[in-house]
């Protein structure tokens, strides 16, 4: 489990993770609007701040399965894009 924090801005961010080995991974990202260093959640445990997962699974009423967000690293790694969804 890795965490990388990047200051928020209007621009798109590029973030690199150093991985120990090739494999199958999933990434979650969120905008910590109140800067409390954690993802605020609603009463039903869904995110209450802009949130996204690798592979940008369809809008969800609950968290999607790992396989919906999973990607495999090969060679030099993998490029992924995450779109944050407003709650």
PDB file of N, CA and C in Angstrom:
ATOM      1  N   UNK A   1       0.856  -1.173   0.000  1.00  0.00           N
ATOM      2  CA  UNK A   1       0.000   0.000   0.000  1.00  0.00           C
ATOM      3  C   UNK A   1       0.895   1.227   0.000  1.00  0.00           C
ATOM      4  N   UNK A   2       0.711   2.086  -1.000  1.00  0.00           N
ATOM      5  CA  UNK A   2       1.486   3.314  -1.094  1.00  0.00           C
ATOM      6  C   UNK A   2       0.560   4.512  -1.101  1.00  0.00           C
ATOM      7  N   UNK A   3       1.039   5.619  -0.546  1.00  0.00           N
ATOM      8  CA  UNK A   3       0.301   6.874  -0.602  1.00  0.00           C
ATOM      9  C   UNK A   3       1.237   7.939  -1.127  1.00  0.00           C
ATOM     10  N   UNK A   4       0.729   8.697  -2.072  1.00  0.00           N
ATOM     11  CA  UNK A   4       1.471   9.841  -2.595  1.00  0.00           C
ATOM     12  C   UNK A   4       0.544  11.039  -2.504  1.00  0.00           C
ATOM     13  N   UNK A   5       1.030  12.104  -1.918  1.00  0.00           N
ATOM     14  CA  UNK A   5       0.226  13.322  -1.796  1.00  0.00           C
ATOM     15  C   UNK A   5       0.820  14.387  -2.706  1.00  0.00           C
ATOM     16  N   UNK A   6      -0.056  15.042  -3.471  1.00  0.00           N
ATOM     17  CA  UNK A   6       0.343  16.081  -4.408  1.00  0.00           C
ATOM     18  C   UNK A   6      -0.535  17.299  -4.139  1.00  0.00           C
ATOM     19  N   UNK A   7       0.041  18.490  -4.004  1.00  0.00           N
ATOM     20  CA  UNK A   7      -0.792  19.675  -3.790  1.00  0.00           C
ATOM     21  C   UNK A   7      -1.786  19.859  -4.942  1.00  0.00           C
ATOM     22  N   UNK A   8      -3.014  20.204  -4.596  1.00  0.00           N
ATOM     23  CA  UNK A   8      -4.067  20.373  -5.597  1.00  0.00           C
ATOM     24  C   UNK A   8      -3.848  21.643  -6.411  1.00  0.00           C
ATOM     25  N   UNK A   9      -4.220  21.568  -7.665  1.00  0.00           N
ATOM     26  CA  UNK A   9      -4.211  22.723  -8.558  1.00  0.00           C
ATOM     27  C   UNK A   9      -5.208  22.443  -9.673  1.00  0.00           C
ATOM     28  N   UNK A  10      -5.431  23.422 -10.505  1.00  0.00           N
ATOM     29  CA  UNK A  10      -6.388  23.276 -11.603  1.00  0.00           C
ATOM     30  C   UNK A  10      -5.849  22.329 -12.681  1.00  0.00           C
ATOM     31  N   UNK A  11      -4.541  22.281 -12.825  1.00  0.00           N
ATOM     32  CA  UNK A  11      -3.924  21.476 -13.870  1.00  0.00           C
ATOM     33  C   UNK A  11      -4.040  19.974 -13.596  1.00  0.00           C
ATOM     34  N   UNK A  12      -3.823  19.227 -14.654  1.00  0.00           N
ATOM     35  CA  UNK A  12      -3.739  17.769 -14.543  1.00  0.00           C
ATOM     36  C   UNK A  12      -2.407  17.415 -13.891  1.00  0.00           C
ATOM     37  N   UNK A  13      -2.371  16.361 -13.097  1.00  0.00           N
ATOM     38  CA  UNK A  13      -1.150  15.947 -12.409  1.00  0.00           C
ATOM     39  C   UNK A  13      -0.593  14.679 -13.033  1.00  0.00           C
ATOM     40  N   UNK A  14       0.723  14.566 -13.028  1.00  0.00           N
ATOM     41  CA  UNK A  14       1.397  13.331 -13.395  1.00  0.00           C
ATOM     42  C   UNK A  14       2.117  12.846 -12.145  1.00  0.00           C
ATOM     43  N   UNK A  15       1.841  11.603 -11.757  1.00  0.00           N
ATOM     44  CA  UNK A  15       2.424  11.030 -10.545  1.00  0.00           C
ATOM     45  C   UNK A  15       3.046   9.692 -10.907  1.00  0.00           C
ATOM     46  N   UNK A  16       4.236   9.423 -10.399  1.00  0.00           N
ATOM     47  CA  UNK A  16       4.914   8.147 -10.649  1.00  0.00           C
ATOM     48  C   UNK A  16       5.001   7.353  -9.344  1.00  0.00           C
ATOM     49  N   UNK A  17       4.708   6.065  -9.433  1.00  0.00           N
ATOM     50  CA  UNK A  17       4.845   5.145  -8.304  1.00  0.00           C
ATOM     51  C   UNK A  17       6.039   4.247  -8.584  1.00  0.00           C
ATOM     52  N   UNK A  18       6.876   4.000  -7.590  1.00  0.00           N
ATOM     53  CA  UNK A  18       7.930   3.004  -7.693  1.00  0.00           C
ATOM     54  C   UNK A  18       7.371   1.688  -7.162  1.00  0.00           C
ATOM     55  N   UNK A  19       7.345   0.684  -8.017  1.00  0.00           N
ATOM     56  CA  UNK A  19       6.796  -0.618  -7.641  1.00  0.00           C
ATOM     57  C   UNK A  19       7.916  -1.626  -7.469  1.00  0.00           C
ATOM     58  N   UNK A  20       7.758  -2.532  -6.520  1.00  0.00           N
ATOM     59  CA  UNK A  20       8.766  -3.560  -6.278  1.00  0.00           C
ATOM     60  C   UNK A  20       8.838  -4.583  -7.403  1.00  0.00           C
ATOM     61  N   UNK A  21       7.691  -4.852  -8.033  1.00  0.00           N
ATOM     62  CA  UNK A  21       7.662  -5.859  -9.088  1.00  0.00           C
ATOM     63  C   UNK A  21       6.461  -5.628  -9.997  1.00  0.00           C
ATOM     64  N   UNK A  22       6.515  -6.265 -11.173  1.00  0.00           N
ATOM     65  CA  UNK A  22       5.381  -6.204 -12.095  1.00  0.00           C
ATOM     66  C   UNK A  22       4.228  -6.979 -11.482  1.00  0.00           C
ATOM     67  N   UNK A  23       3.024  -6.583 -11.845  1.00  0.00           N
ATOM     68  CA  UNK A  23       1.866  -7.281 -11.303  1.00  0.00           C
ATOM     69  C   UNK A  23       0.581  -6.568 -11.648  1.00  0.00           C
ATOM     70  N   UNK A  24      -0.468  -6.910 -10.939  1.00  0.00           N
ATOM     71  CA  UNK A  24      -1.779  -6.317 -11.150  1.00  0.00           C
ATOM     72  C   UNK A  24      -2.074  -5.393  -9.977  1.00  0.00           C
ATOM     73  N   UNK A  25      -2.455  -4.164 -10.300  1.00  0.00           N
ATOM     74  CA  UNK A  25      -2.667  -3.129  -9.299  1.00  0.00           C
ATOM     75  C   UNK A  25      -3.958  -2.368  -9.593  1.00  0.00           C
ATOM     76  N   UNK A  26      -4.424  -1.595  -8.625  1.00  0.00           N
ATOM     77  CA  UNK A  26      -5.508  -0.634  -8.799  1.00  0.00           C
ATOM     78  C   UNK A  26      -5.111   0.623  -8.026  1.00  0.00           C
ATOM     79  N   UNK A  27      -5.536   1.774  -8.521  1.00  0.00           N
ATOM     80  CA  UNK A  27      -5.187   3.043  -7.900  1.00  0.00           C
ATOM     81  C   UNK A  27      -6.456   3.839  -7.618  1.00  0.00           C
ATOM     82  N   UNK A  28      -6.508   4.445  -6.443  1.00  0.00           N
ATOM     83  CA  UNK A  28      -7.601   5.357  -6.074  1.00  0.00           C
ATOM     84  C   UNK A  28      -6.996   6.743  -5.874  1.00  0.00           C
ATOM     85  N   UNK A  29      -7.754   7.766  -6.252  1.00  0.00           N
ATOM     86  CA  UNK A  29      -7.312   9.152  -6.077  1.00  0.00           C
ATOM     87  C   UNK A  29      -8.498   9.975  -5.580  1.00  0.00           C
ATOM     88  N   UNK A  30      -8.190  10.993  -4.782  1.00  0.00           N
ATOM     89  CA  UNK A  30      -9.255  11.894  -4.345  1.00  0.00           C
ATOM     90  C   UNK A  30      -8.700  13.284  -4.100  1.00  0.00           C
ATOM     91  N   UNK A  31      -9.579  14.272  -4.118  1.00  0.00           N
ATOM     92  CA  UNK A  31      -9.225  15.657  -3.822  1.00  0.00           C
ATOM     93  C   UNK A  31      -9.636  15.929  -2.380  1.00  0.00           C
ATOM     94  N   UNK A  32      -8.665  16.118  -1.535  1.00  0.00           N
ATOM     95  CA  UNK A  32      -8.894  16.352  -0.107  1.00  0.00           C
ATOM     96  C   UNK A  32      -9.276  17.819   0.104  1.00  0.00           C
ATOM     97  N   UNK A  33     -10.517  18.139  -0.149  1.00  0.00           N
ATOM     98  CA  UNK A  33     -10.988  19.523  -0.152  1.00  0.00           C
ATOM     99  C   UNK A  33     -10.718  20.236   1.174  1.00  0.00           C
ATOM    100  N   UNK A  34     -10.941  19.577   2.296  1.00  0.00           N
ATOM    101  CA  UNK A  34     -10.751  20.227   3.596  1.00  0.00           C
ATOM    102  C   UNK A  34      -9.358  20.008   4.195  1.00  0.00           C
ATOM    103  N   UNK A  35      -8.462  19.373   3.433  1.00  0.00           N
ATOM    104  CA  UNK A  35      -7.056  19.182   3.840  1.00  0.00           C
ATOM    105  C   UNK A  35      -6.897  18.456   5.171  1.00  0.00           C
ATOM    106  N   UNK A  36      -7.791  17.512   5.461  1.00  0.00           N
ATOM    107  CA  UNK A  36      -7.667  16.753   6.710  1.00  0.00           C
ATOM    108  C   UNK A  36      -6.888  15.446   6.511  1.00  0.00           C
ATOM    109  N   UNK A  37      -6.329  15.256   5.308  1.00  0.00           N
ATOM    110  CA  UNK A  37      -5.474  14.121   4.952  1.00  0.00           C
ATOM    111  C   UNK A  37      -6.209  12.783   4.963  1.00  0.00           C
ATOM    112  N   UNK A  38      -7.538  12.821   4.814  1.00  0.00           N
ATOM    113  CA  UNK A  38      -8.294  11.578   4.685  1.00  0.00           C
ATOM    114  C   UNK A  38      -9.504  11.826   3.795  1.00  0.00           C
ATOM    115  N   UNK A  39     -10.039  10.757   3.241  1.00  0.00           N
ATOM    116  CA  UNK A  39     -11.211  10.836   2.385  1.00  0.00           C
ATOM    117  C   UNK A  39     -12.462  10.918   3.251  1.00  0.00           C
ATOM    118  N   UNK A  40     -13.173  12.021   3.144  1.00  0.00           N
ATOM    119  CA  UNK A  40     -14.438  12.135   3.872  1.00  0.00           C
ATOM    120  C   UNK A  40     -15.477  11.259   3.193  1.00  0.00           C
ATOM    121  N   UNK A  41     -16.289  10.601   4.002  1.00  0.00           N
ATOM    122  CA  UNK A  41     -17.305   9.694   3.475  1.00  0.00           C
ATOM    123  C   UNK A  41     -18.688  10.110   3.955  1.00  0.00           C
ATOM    124  N   UNK A  42     -19.675   9.734   3.162  1.00  0.00           N
ATOM    125  CA  UNK A  42     -21.070   9.967   3.517  1.00  0.00           C
ATOM    126  C   UNK A  42     -21.516   8.901   4.499  1.00  0.00           C
ATOM    127  N   UNK A  43     -22.756   8.998   4.950  1.00  0.00           N
ATOM    128  CA  UNK A  43     -23.323   8.033   5.898  1.00  0.00           C
ATOM    129  C   UNK A  43     -23.277   6.611   5.355  1.00  0.00           C
ATOM    130  N   UNK A  44     -23.342   6.444   4.015  1.00  0.00           N
ATOM    131  CA  UNK A  44     -23.324   5.108   3.403  1.00  0.00           C
ATOM    132  C   UNK A  44     -21.911   4.666   3.014  1.00  0.00           C
ATOM    133  N   UNK A  45     -20.904   5.369   3.500  1.00  0.00           N
ATOM    134  CA  UNK A  45     -19.479   5.083   3.299  1.00  0.00           C
ATOM    135  C   UNK A  45     -18.964   5.418   1.908  1.00  0.00           C
ATOM    136  N   UNK A  46     -19.797   5.963   1.022  1.00  0.00           N
ATOM    137  CA  UNK A  46     -19.320   6.402  -0.283  1.00  0.00           C
ATOM    138  C   UNK A  46     -18.589   7.731  -0.129  1.00  0.00           C
ATOM    139  N   UNK A  47     -17.660   8.033  -1.039  1.00  0.00           N
ATOM    140  CA  UNK A  47     -16.876   9.266  -0.928  1.00  0.00           C
ATOM    141  C   UNK A  47     -17.746  10.522  -0.912  1.00  0.00           C
ATOM    142  N   UNK A  48     -17.320  11.497  -0.098  1.00  0.00           N
ATOM    143  CA  UNK A  48     -17.992  12.787  -0.030  1.00  0.00           C
ATOM    144  C   UNK A  48     -17.091  13.889  -0.587  1.00  0.00           C
ATOM    145  N   UNK A  49     -15.987  13.505  -1.232  1.00  0.00           N
ATOM    146  CA  UNK A  49     -15.070  14.422  -1.896  1.00  0.00           C
ATOM    147  C   UNK A  49     -14.816  13.857  -3.295  1.00  0.00           C
ATOM    148  N   UNK A  50     -14.375  14.696  -4.245  1.00  0.00           N
ATOM    149  CA  UNK A  50     -14.095  14.183  -5.591  1.00  0.00           C
ATOM    150  C   UNK A  50     -13.166  12.972  -5.524  1.00  0.00           C
ATOM    151  N   UNK A  51     -13.531  11.901  -6.233  1.00  0.00           N
ATOM    152  CA  UNK A  51     -12.884  10.605  -6.072  1.00  0.00           C
ATOM    153  C   UNK A  51     -12.847   9.885  -7.416  1.00  0.00           C
ATOM    154  N   UNK A  52     -11.803   9.092  -7.643  1.00  0.00           N
ATOM    155  CA  UNK A  52     -11.726   8.308  -8.870  1.00  0.00           C
ATOM    156  C   UNK A  52     -10.876   7.071  -8.683  1.00  0.00           C
ATOM    157  N   UNK A  53     -11.064   6.109  -9.583  1.00  0.00           N
ATOM    158  CA  UNK A  53     -10.318   4.852  -9.570  1.00  0.00           C
ATOM    159  C   UNK A  53      -9.688   4.607 -10.930  1.00  0.00           C
ATOM    160  N   UNK A  54      -8.600   3.847 -10.952  1.00  0.00           N
ATOM    161  CA  UNK A  54      -7.989   3.484 -12.223  1.00  0.00           C
ATOM    162  C   UNK A  54      -9.021   2.780 -13.105  1.00  0.00           C
ATOM    163  N   UNK A  55      -8.885   2.940 -14.396  1.00  0.00           N
ATOM    164  CA  UNK A  55      -9.818   2.431 -15.423  1.00  0.00           C
ATOM    165  C   UNK A  55     -11.137   3.187 -15.429  1.00  0.00           C
ATOM    166  N   UNK A  56     -11.292   4.181 -14.563  1.00  0.00           N
ATOM    167  CA  UNK A  56     -12.503   5.001 -14.536  1.00  0.00           C
ATOM    168  C   UNK A  56     -13.774   4.175 -14.679  1.00  0.00           C
ATOM    169  N   UNK A  57     -14.041   3.248 -13.727  1.00  0.00           N
ATOM    170  CA  UNK A  57     -15.257   2.441 -13.837  1.00  0.00           C
ATOM    171  C   UNK A  57     -16.497   3.336 -13.852  1.00  0.00           C
ATOM    172  N   UNK A  58     -17.562   2.833 -14.400  1.00  0.00           N
ATOM    173  CA  UNK A  58     -18.819   3.573 -14.492  1.00  0.00           C
ATOM    174  C   UNK A  58     -19.229   4.098 -13.122  1.00  0.00           C
ATOM    175  N   UNK A  59     -20.054   5.153 -13.142  1.00  0.00           N
ATOM    176  CA  UNK A  59     -20.567   5.686 -11.882  1.00  0.00           C
ATOM    177  C   UNK A  59     -21.031   4.527 -11.016  1.00  0.00           C
ATOM    178  N   UNK A  60     -20.712   4.578  -9.747  1.00  0.00           N
ATOM    179  CA  UNK A  60     -21.032   3.454  -8.889  1.00  0.00           C
ATOM    180  C   UNK A  60     -21.911   3.862  -7.718  1.00  0.00           C
ATOM    181  N   UNK A  61     -22.755   2.951  -7.326  1.00  0.00           N
ATOM    182  CA  UNK A  61     -23.591   3.156  -6.150  1.00  0.00           C
ATOM    183  C   UNK A  61     -22.921   2.520  -4.928  1.00  0.00           C
ATOM    184  N   UNK A  62     -21.927   1.728  -5.146  1.00  0.00           N
ATOM    185  CA  UNK A  62     -21.088   1.116  -4.132  1.00  0.00           C
ATOM    186  C   UNK A  62     -19.711   1.018  -4.755  1.00  0.00           C
ATOM    187  N   UNK A  63     -18.731   0.612  -4.001  1.00  0.00           N
ATOM    188  CA  UNK A  63     -17.398   0.487  -4.586  1.00  0.00           C
ATOM    189  C   UNK A  63     -17.376  -0.658  -5.588  1.00  0.00           C
ATOM    190  N   UNK A  64     -16.737  -0.453  -6.745  1.00  0.00           N
ATOM    191  CA  UNK A  64     -16.661  -1.515  -7.750  1.00  0.00           C
ATOM    192  C   UNK A  64     -15.720  -2.633  -7.299  1.00  0.00           C
ATOM    193  N   UNK A  65     -15.763  -3.731  -8.024  1.00  0.00           N
ATOM    194  CA  UNK A  65     -14.849  -4.844  -7.749  1.00  0.00           C
ATOM    195  C   UNK A  65     -13.418  -4.439  -8.119  1.00  0.00           C
ATOM    196  N   UNK A  66     -12.455  -5.074  -7.478  1.00  0.00           N
ATOM    197  CA  UNK A  66     -11.047  -4.817  -7.787  1.00  0.00           C
ATOM    198  C   UNK A  66     -10.795  -4.978  -9.284  1.00  0.00           C
ATOM    199  N   UNK A  67     -11.365  -6.003  -9.888  1.00  0.00           N
ATOM    200  CA  UNK A  67     -11.128  -6.278 -11.306  1.00  0.00           C
ATOM    201  C   UNK A  67     -11.601  -5.139 -12.210  1.00  0.00           C
ATOM    202  N   UNK A  68     -12.571  -4.333 -11.761  1.00  0.00           N
ATOM    203  CA  UNK A  68     -13.043  -3.200 -12.557  1.00  0.00           C
ATOM    204  C   UNK A  68     -12.012  -2.075 -12.637  1.00  0.00           C
ATOM    205  N   UNK A  69     -11.123  -2.006 -11.676  1.00  0.00           N
ATOM    206  CA  UNK A  69     -10.119  -0.945 -11.628  1.00  0.00           C
ATOM    207  C   UNK A  69      -8.692  -1.459 -11.823  1.00  0.00           C
ATOM    208  N   UNK A  70      -8.534  -2.753 -11.957  1.00  0.00           N
ATOM    209  CA  UNK A  70      -7.199  -3.352 -12.023  1.00  0.00           C
ATOM    210  C   UNK A  70      -6.527  -3.126 -13.382  1.00  0.00           C
ATOM    211  N   UNK A  71      -5.212  -2.997 -13.349  1.00  0.00           N
ATOM    212  CA  UNK A  71      -4.384  -2.937 -14.552  1.00  0.00           C
ATOM    213  C   UNK A  71      -3.105  -3.699 -14.260  1.00  0.00           C
ATOM    214  N   UNK A  72      -2.428  -4.134 -15.301  1.00  0.00           N
ATOM    215  CA  UNK A  72      -1.215  -4.932 -15.153  1.00  0.00           C
ATOM    216  C   UNK A  72      -0.018  -4.135 -15.644  1.00  0.00           C
ATOM    217  N   UNK A  73       1.059  -4.175 -14.873  1.00  0.00           N
ATOM    218  CA  UNK A  73       2.289  -3.497 -15.282  1.00  0.00           C
ATOM    219  C   UNK A  73       3.167  -4.480 -16.043  1.00  0.00           C
ATOM    220  N   UNK A  74       3.796  -3.975 -17.073  1.00  0.00           N
ATOM    221  CA  UNK A  74       4.718  -4.776 -17.892  1.00  0.00           C
ATOM    222  C   UNK A  74       5.844  -3.873 -18.355  1.00  0.00           C
ATOM    223  N   UNK A  75       6.980  -4.444 -18.677  1.00  0.00           N
ATOM    224  CA  UNK A  75       8.085  -3.660 -19.228  1.00  0.00           C
ATOM    225  C   UNK A  75       8.424  -2.470 -18.358  1.00  0.00           C
ATOM    226  N   UNK A  76       8.190  -1.281 -18.888  1.00  0.00           N
ATOM    227  CA  UNK A  76       8.532  -0.043 -18.193  1.00  0.00           C
ATOM    228  C   UNK A  76       7.409   0.458 -17.285  1.00  0.00           C
ATOM    229  N   UNK A  77       6.329  -0.301 -17.119  1.00  0.00           N
ATOM    230  CA  UNK A  77       5.246   0.126 -16.244  1.00  0.00           C
ATOM    231  C   UNK A  77       3.949   0.274 -17.000  1.00  0.00           C
ATOM    232  N   UNK A  78       3.097   1.170 -16.541  1.00  0.00           N
ATOM    233  CA  UNK A  78       1.795   1.379 -17.165  1.00  0.00           C
ATOM    234  C   UNK A  78       1.402   2.841 -17.010  1.00  0.00           C
ATOM    235  N   UNK A  79       0.806   3.396 -18.031  1.00  0.00           N
ATOM    236  CA  UNK A  79       0.248   4.746 -17.968  1.00  0.00           C
ATOM    237  C   UNK A  79      -1.247   4.615 -17.744  1.00  0.00           C
ATOM    238  N   UNK A  80      -1.753   5.279 -16.726  1.00  0.00           N
ATOM    239  CA  UNK A  80      -3.187   5.249 -16.453  1.00  0.00           C
ATOM    240  C   UNK A  80      -3.684   6.675 -16.301  1.00  0.00           C
ATOM    241  N   UNK A  81      -4.955   6.863 -16.446  1.00  0.00           N
ATOM    242  CA  UNK A  81      -5.586   8.161 -16.271  1.00  0.00           C
ATOM    243  C   UNK A  81      -6.781   7.962 -15.348  1.00  0.00           C
ATOM    244  N   UNK A  82      -6.935   8.867 -14.378  1.00  0.00           N
ATOM    245  CA  UNK A  82      -8.039   8.786 -13.430  1.00  0.00           C
ATOM    246  C   UNK A  82      -8.829  10.089 -13.493  1.00  0.00           C
ATOM    247  N   UNK A  83     -10.119   9.985 -13.744  1.00  0.00           N
ATOM    248  CA  UNK A  83     -10.997  11.147 -13.721  1.00  0.00           C
ATOM    249  C   UNK A  83     -11.688  11.191 -12.362  1.00  0.00           C
ATOM    250  N   UNK A  84     -11.581  12.338 -11.689  1.00  0.00           N
ATOM    251  CA  UNK A  84     -12.252  12.491 -10.402  1.00  0.00           C
ATOM    252  C   UNK A  84     -13.719  12.814 -10.640  1.00  0.00           C
ATOM    253  N   UNK A  85     -14.583  12.153  -9.872  1.00  0.00           N
ATOM    254  CA  UNK A  85     -16.029  12.325  -9.977  1.00  0.00           C
ATOM    255  C   UNK A  85     -16.506  13.116  -8.772  1.00  0.00           C
ATOM    256  N   UNK A  86     -17.302  14.143  -9.019  1.00  0.00           N
ATOM    257  CA  UNK A  86     -17.890  14.915  -7.931  1.00  0.00           C
ATOM    258  C   UNK A  86     -18.989  14.097  -7.269  1.00  0.00           C
ATOM    259  N   UNK A  87     -19.036  14.037  -5.946  1.00  0.00           N
ATOM    260  CA  UNK A  87     -20.096  13.283  -5.275  1.00  0.00           C
ATOM    261  C   UNK A  87     -21.462  13.952  -5.454  1.00  0.00           C
TER     262      UNK A  87
END
